[in-house]
Amino acid sequence: MPSVGLGTLKPIFRHIGSASQYNNEDQVGEAVRDSGLSRETVWITTKVDNPWHHRVVESVDQSLAAVGFDCIDLFLMDWPIAEIQRVLASGRVPNIGVSNLGIRSMEKLPSHSECHVVPAVSRIELHACCLCDRLVDFCRQRGIHCTAYSPLAFGLLQLYERASKTPQKIL
């Protein structure tokens, strides 16, 4: 999995995040096809929408149809992790991850009777104003890669305006 997402920063870093709830999976697939890049050079992540947590296989089918590819590199969901493990055997989703789980919930995963796979990724709110050091360390010790949503942060508009700089320059 590429360490850096948010589109193409360098030719070797191509990681695009999508989700059915964002209604952008078809656009992600179209963008990858239109880019001229081979599918294997672009990492695609998507997420199960909350109402679909007990219909994960159906959600995967819909996401695959929307992006128009045979495989999504990483599939995320909030909970229950047992549901998403069922799609690994198909090969259509080679990596699974969790989203928005704190340490207490992450600690419960190994002891859950239906949890047989450690998530590859934990997607969390992570930025300069929300560092989550304990959670990042917890995941790192267990070989779980943390990815950030909102890496440019929420709620910093006044700081940006006061400094007359873009969020990217401040962070």
C-alpha atoms as a PDB file:
ATOM      1  CA  MET A   1       0.000   0.000   0.000  1.00  0.00           C
ATOM      2  CA  PRO A   2       1.390   3.403  -0.895  1.00  0.00           C
ATOM      3  CA  SER A   3       2.324   5.502   2.130  1.00  0.00           C
ATOM      4  CA  VAL A   4       0.929   8.669   0.591  1.00  0.00           C
ATOM      5  CA  GLY A   5      -2.550   9.086  -0.873  1.00  0.00           C
ATOM      6  CA  LEU A   6      -4.616  11.985  -2.168  1.00  0.00           C
ATOM      7  CA  GLY A   7      -4.003  11.322  -5.827  1.00  0.00           C
ATOM      8  CA  THR A   8      -0.661  11.344  -7.545  1.00  0.00           C
ATOM      9  CA  LEU A   9       2.115  13.122  -5.681  1.00  0.00           C
ATOM     10  CA  LYS A  10       4.920  11.351  -7.491  1.00  0.00           C
ATOM     11  CA  PRO A  11       4.688   8.746 -10.233  1.00  0.00           C
ATOM     12  CA  ILE A  12       5.160   5.964  -7.660  1.00  0.00           C
ATOM     13  CA  PHE A  13       2.477   7.141  -5.191  1.00  0.00           C
ATOM     14  CA  ARG A  14      -1.033   6.566  -6.502  1.00  0.00           C
ATOM     15  CA  HIS A  15      -3.682   5.979  -3.873  1.00  0.00           C
ATOM     16  CA  ILE A  16      -7.283   7.021  -4.422  1.00  0.00           C
ATOM     17  CA  GLY A  17      -9.886   6.847  -1.702  1.00  0.00           C
ATOM     18  CA  SER A  18     -13.568   6.509  -2.417  1.00  0.00           C
ATOM     19  CA  ALA A  19     -16.747   5.328  -0.748  1.00  0.00           C
ATOM     20  CA  SER A  20     -20.245   4.494  -1.843  1.00  0.00           C
ATOM     21  CA  GLN A  21     -21.566   7.125   0.580  1.00  0.00           C
ATOM     22  CA  TYR A  22     -19.471   9.775  -1.213  1.00  0.00           C
ATOM     23  CA  ASN A  23     -21.036   8.682  -4.498  1.00  0.00           C
ATOM     24  CA  ASN A  24     -17.639   8.795  -6.216  1.00  0.00           C
ATOM     25  CA  GLU A  25     -16.700   5.182  -6.945  1.00  0.00           C
ATOM     26  CA  ASP A  26     -17.748   5.396 -10.591  1.00  0.00           C
ATOM     27  CA  GLN A  27     -15.731   8.614 -10.979  1.00  0.00           C
ATOM     28  CA  VAL A  28     -12.662   6.963  -9.458  1.00  0.00           C
ATOM     29  CA  GLY A  29     -12.908   4.071 -11.903  1.00  0.00           C
ATOM     30  CA  GLU A  30     -13.392   6.426 -14.822  1.00  0.00           C
ATOM     31  CA  ALA A  31     -10.429   8.580 -13.754  1.00  0.00           C
ATOM     32  CA  VAL A  32      -8.128   5.559 -13.502  1.00  0.00           C
ATOM     33  CA  ARG A  33      -9.203   4.303 -16.944  1.00  0.00           C
ATOM     34  CA  ASP A  34      -8.866   7.786 -18.493  1.00  0.00           C
ATOM     35  CA  SER A  35      -5.436   8.329 -16.930  1.00  0.00           C
ATOM     36  CA  GLY A  36      -3.784   5.771 -19.190  1.00  0.00           C
ATOM     37  CA  LEU A  37      -2.201   4.154 -16.139  1.00  0.00           C
ATOM     38  CA  SER A  38      -2.405   0.415 -15.706  1.00  0.00           C
ATOM     39  CA  ARG A  39      -4.810  -0.617 -12.964  1.00  0.00           C
ATOM     40  CA  GLU A  40      -1.983  -2.327 -11.084  1.00  0.00           C
ATOM     41  CA  THR A  41      -0.209   1.022 -10.553  1.00  0.00           C
ATOM     42  CA  VAL A  42      -3.149   2.655  -8.765  1.00  0.00           C
ATOM     43  CA  TRP A  43      -4.249   1.639  -5.254  1.00  0.00           C
ATOM     44  CA  ILE A  44      -8.007   1.972  -4.790  1.00  0.00           C
ATOM     45  CA  THR A  45      -9.605   2.114  -1.346  1.00  0.00           C
ATOM     46  CA  THR A  46     -13.327   2.215  -0.691  1.00  0.00           C
ATOM     47  CA  LYS A  47     -15.567   1.878   2.326  1.00  0.00           C
ATOM     48  CA  VAL A  48     -18.780   0.103   3.251  1.00  0.00           C
ATOM     49  CA  ASP A  49     -21.559   2.599   3.833  1.00  0.00           C
ATOM     50  CA  ASN A  50     -22.998   2.309   7.353  1.00  0.00           C
ATOM     51  CA  PRO A  51     -26.417   0.869   6.363  1.00  0.00           C
ATOM     52  CA  TRP A  52     -24.602  -1.971   4.517  1.00  0.00           C
ATOM     53  CA  HIS A  53     -22.591  -3.367   7.439  1.00  0.00           C
ATOM     54  CA  HIS A  54     -24.564  -6.600   7.475  1.00  0.00           C
ATOM     55  CA  ARG A  55     -24.641  -6.883   3.686  1.00  0.00           C
ATOM     56  CA  VAL A  56     -20.914  -6.577   3.031  1.00  0.00           C
ATOM     57  CA  VAL A  57     -20.706  -9.021   0.108  1.00  0.00           C
ATOM     58  CA  GLU A  58     -23.484  -7.125  -1.660  1.00  0.00           C
ATOM     59  CA  SER A  59     -21.702  -3.844  -0.882  1.00  0.00           C
ATOM     60  CA  VAL A  60     -18.458  -5.187  -2.376  1.00  0.00           C
ATOM     61  CA  ASP A  61     -20.346  -6.297  -5.495  1.00  0.00           C
ATOM     62  CA  GLN A  62     -21.862  -2.835  -5.897  1.00  0.00           C
ATOM     63  CA  SER A  63     -18.540  -1.074  -5.334  1.00  0.00           C
ATOM     64  CA  LEU A  64     -16.777  -3.303  -7.860  1.00  0.00           C
ATOM     65  CA  ALA A  65     -19.510  -2.655 -10.414  1.00  0.00           C
ATOM     66  CA  ALA A  66     -19.285   1.087  -9.767  1.00  0.00           C
ATOM     67  CA  VAL A  67     -15.500   1.329 -10.206  1.00  0.00           C
ATOM     68  CA  GLY A  68     -15.614  -1.133 -13.090  1.00  0.00           C
ATOM     69  CA  PHE A  69     -12.691  -3.293 -11.966  1.00  0.00           C
ATOM     70  CA  ASP A  70     -12.358  -6.878 -10.766  1.00  0.00           C
ATOM     71  CA  CYS A  71     -10.559  -5.898  -7.567  1.00  0.00           C
ATOM     72  CA  ILE A  72     -10.540  -3.149  -4.945  1.00  0.00           C
ATOM     73  CA  ASP A  73      -7.210  -3.033  -3.115  1.00  0.00           C
ATOM     74  CA  LEU A  74      -8.557  -2.087   0.314  1.00  0.00           C
ATOM     75  CA  PHE A  75     -12.061  -2.273   1.701  1.00  0.00           C
ATOM     76  CA  LEU A  76     -12.832  -0.455   4.948  1.00  0.00           C
ATOM     77  CA  MET A  77     -15.707  -0.657   7.372  1.00  0.00           C
ATOM     78  CA  ASP A  78     -16.510   0.675  10.811  1.00  0.00           C
ATOM     79  CA  TRP A  79     -17.843  -2.519  12.364  1.00  0.00           C
ATOM     80  CA  PRO A  80     -18.357  -5.544  12.526  1.00  0.00           C
ATOM     81  CA  ILE A  81     -15.006  -6.722  11.184  1.00  0.00           C
ATOM     82  CA  ALA A  82     -16.223 -10.337  11.007  1.00  0.00           C
ATOM     83  CA  GLU A  83     -18.532  -9.433   8.138  1.00  0.00           C
ATOM     84  CA  ILE A  84     -15.779  -7.997   5.955  1.00  0.00           C
ATOM     85  CA  GLN A  85     -13.465 -10.989   6.470  1.00  0.00           C
ATOM     86  CA  ARG A  86     -15.795 -13.076   4.330  1.00  0.00           C
ATOM     87  CA  VAL A  87     -14.829 -11.168   1.180  1.00  0.00           C
ATOM     88  CA  LEU A  88     -11.113 -11.956   1.495  1.00  0.00           C
ATOM     89  CA  ALA A  89     -11.496 -15.499   0.175  1.00  0.00           C
ATOM     90  CA  SER A  90     -12.899 -14.216  -3.115  1.00  0.00           C
ATOM     91  CA  GLY A  91      -9.663 -12.392  -3.986  1.00  0.00           C
ATOM     92  CA  ARG A  92     -11.678  -9.389  -5.124  1.00  0.00           C
ATOM     93  CA  VAL A  93     -10.643  -7.541  -1.960  1.00  0.00           C
ATOM     94  CA  PRO A  94      -7.106  -8.546  -0.937  1.00  0.00           C
ATOM     95  CA  ASN A  95      -6.910  -6.164   2.044  1.00  0.00           C
ATOM     96  CA  ILE A  96      -9.414  -5.169   4.693  1.00  0.00           C
ATOM     97  CA  GLY A  97      -9.331  -2.407   7.234  1.00  0.00           C
ATOM     98  CA  VAL A  98     -11.292  -0.670   9.911  1.00  0.00           C
ATOM     99  CA  SER A  99     -12.379   2.923  10.158  1.00  0.00           C
ATOM    100  CA  ASN A 100     -13.058   5.086  13.192  1.00  0.00           C
ATOM    101  CA  LEU A 101     -12.148   2.518  15.850  1.00  0.00           C
ATOM    102  CA  GLY A 102     -10.427   3.602  19.041  1.00  0.00           C
ATOM    103  CA  ILE A 103      -7.968   1.580  21.098  1.00  0.00           C
ATOM    104  CA  ARG A 104     -10.684  -0.037  23.211  1.00  0.00           C
ATOM    105  CA  SER A 105     -12.478  -1.388  20.138  1.00  0.00           C
ATOM    106  CA  MET A 106      -9.202  -2.389  18.463  1.00  0.00           C
ATOM    107  CA  GLU A 107      -8.228  -4.355  21.587  1.00  0.00           C
ATOM    108  CA  LYS A 108     -11.428  -6.389  21.301  1.00  0.00           C
ATOM    109  CA  LEU A 109     -10.742  -7.565  17.740  1.00  0.00           C
ATOM    110  CA  PRO A 110      -8.313 -10.439  18.486  1.00  0.00           C
ATOM    111  CA  SER A 111     -10.625 -11.920  21.108  1.00  0.00           C
ATOM    112  CA  HIS A 112     -13.741 -11.681  18.929  1.00  0.00           C
ATOM    113  CA  SER A 113     -14.824 -15.215  18.047  1.00  0.00           C
ATOM    114  CA  GLU A 114     -15.316 -14.384  14.366  1.00  0.00           C
ATOM    115  CA  CYS A 115     -12.232 -12.215  13.889  1.00  0.00           C
ATOM    116  CA  HIS A 116      -9.477 -14.269  12.255  1.00  0.00           C
ATOM    117  CA  VAL A 117      -7.653 -11.560  10.312  1.00  0.00           C
ATOM    118  CA  VAL A 118      -5.830  -8.545  11.687  1.00  0.00           C
ATOM    119  CA  PRO A 119      -6.922  -5.496   9.698  1.00  0.00           C
ATOM    120  CA  ALA A 120      -4.209  -4.199   7.367  1.00  0.00           C
ATOM    121  CA  VAL A 121      -5.286  -0.604   7.927  1.00  0.00           C
ATOM    122  CA  SER A 122      -6.967   1.593  10.499  1.00  0.00           C
ATOM    123  CA  ARG A 123      -8.351   4.779   8.988  1.00  0.00           C
ATOM    124  CA  ILE A 124      -8.639   7.538  11.569  1.00  0.00           C
ATOM    125  CA  GLU A 125      -8.956  11.291  11.792  1.00  0.00           C
ATOM    126  CA  LEU A 126      -5.324  12.293  11.867  1.00  0.00           C
ATOM    127  CA  HIS A 127      -3.795  15.727  11.358  1.00  0.00           C
ATOM    128  CA  ALA A 128      -1.793  18.401  13.145  1.00  0.00           C
ATOM    129  CA  CYS A 129      -4.669  19.153  15.526  1.00  0.00           C
ATOM    130  CA  CYS A 130      -5.580  15.517  16.124  1.00  0.00           C
ATOM    131  CA  LEU A 131      -2.386  13.475  16.370  1.00  0.00           C
ATOM    132  CA  CYS A 132      -3.791  10.331  18.024  1.00  0.00           C
ATOM    133  CA  ASP A 133      -0.304   9.288  19.171  1.00  0.00           C
ATOM    134  CA  ARG A 134      -1.534   6.472  21.432  1.00  0.00           C
ATOM    135  CA  LEU A 135      -3.722   4.971  18.705  1.00  0.00           C
ATOM    136  CA  VAL A 136      -0.998   5.275  16.057  1.00  0.00           C
ATOM    137  CA  ASP A 137       1.505   3.586  18.410  1.00  0.00           C
ATOM    138  CA  PHE A 138      -1.025   0.881  19.265  1.00  0.00           C
ATOM    139  CA  CYS A 139      -1.542   0.114  15.570  1.00  0.00           C
ATOM    140  CA  ARG A 140       2.159   0.290  14.708  1.00  0.00           C
ATOM    141  CA  GLN A 141       2.979  -2.273  17.426  1.00  0.00           C
ATOM    142  CA  ARG A 142       0.481  -4.658  15.827  1.00  0.00           C
ATOM    143  CA  GLY A 143       1.552  -4.129  12.220  1.00  0.00           C
ATOM    144  CA  ILE A 144      -1.577  -2.150  11.344  1.00  0.00           C
ATOM    145  CA  HIS A 145      -0.981   0.754   8.971  1.00  0.00           C
ATOM    146  CA  CYS A 146      -2.776   3.999   9.922  1.00  0.00           C
ATOM    147  CA  THR A 147      -4.233   6.171   7.203  1.00  0.00           C
ATOM    148  CA  ALA A 148      -5.759   9.573   7.724  1.00  0.00           C
ATOM    149  CA  TYR A 149      -9.048  10.988   6.715  1.00  0.00           C
ATOM    150  CA  SER A 150      -9.190  14.765   6.833  1.00  0.00           C
ATOM    151  CA  PRO A 151      -5.386  15.089   6.865  1.00  0.00           C
ATOM    152  CA  LEU A 152      -5.754  18.825   6.231  1.00  0.00           C
ATOM    153  CA  ALA A 153      -7.924  19.105   9.361  1.00  0.00           C
ATOM    154  CA  PHE A 154     -11.350  20.364  10.269  1.00  0.00           C
ATOM    155  CA  GLY A 155     -12.010  23.590  12.114  1.00  0.00           C
ATOM    156  CA  LEU A 156      -8.872  25.470  11.213  1.00  0.00           C
ATOM    157  CA  LEU A 157     -10.439  28.050   8.913  1.00  0.00           C
ATOM    158  CA  GLN A 158      -9.800  30.939  11.312  1.00  0.00           C
ATOM    159  CA  LEU A 159      -6.139  29.997  11.642  1.00  0.00           C
ATOM    160  CA  TYR A 160      -5.776  29.882   7.861  1.00  0.00           C
ATOM    161  CA  GLU A 161      -7.445  33.254   7.448  1.00  0.00           C
ATOM    162  CA  ARG A 162      -5.446  34.889  10.239  1.00  0.00           C
ATOM    163  CA  ALA A 163      -2.177  33.642   8.744  1.00  0.00           C
ATOM    164  CA  SER A 164      -3.284  34.409   5.158  1.00  0.00           C
ATOM    165  CA  LYS A 165      -2.044  30.988   4.124  1.00  0.00           C
ATOM    166  CA  THR A 166      -3.573  27.836   2.694  1.00  0.00           C
ATOM    167  CA  PRO A 167      -4.255  24.878   4.980  1.00  0.00           C
ATOM    168  CA  GLN A 168      -1.527  22.913   3.225  1.00  0.00           C
ATOM    169  CA  LYS A 169       1.103  25.573   3.961  1.00  0.00           C
ATOM    170  CA  ILE A 170       0.147  25.812   7.624  1.00  0.00           C
ATOM    171  CA  LEU A 171       0.063  22.062   8.199  1.00  0.00           C
END
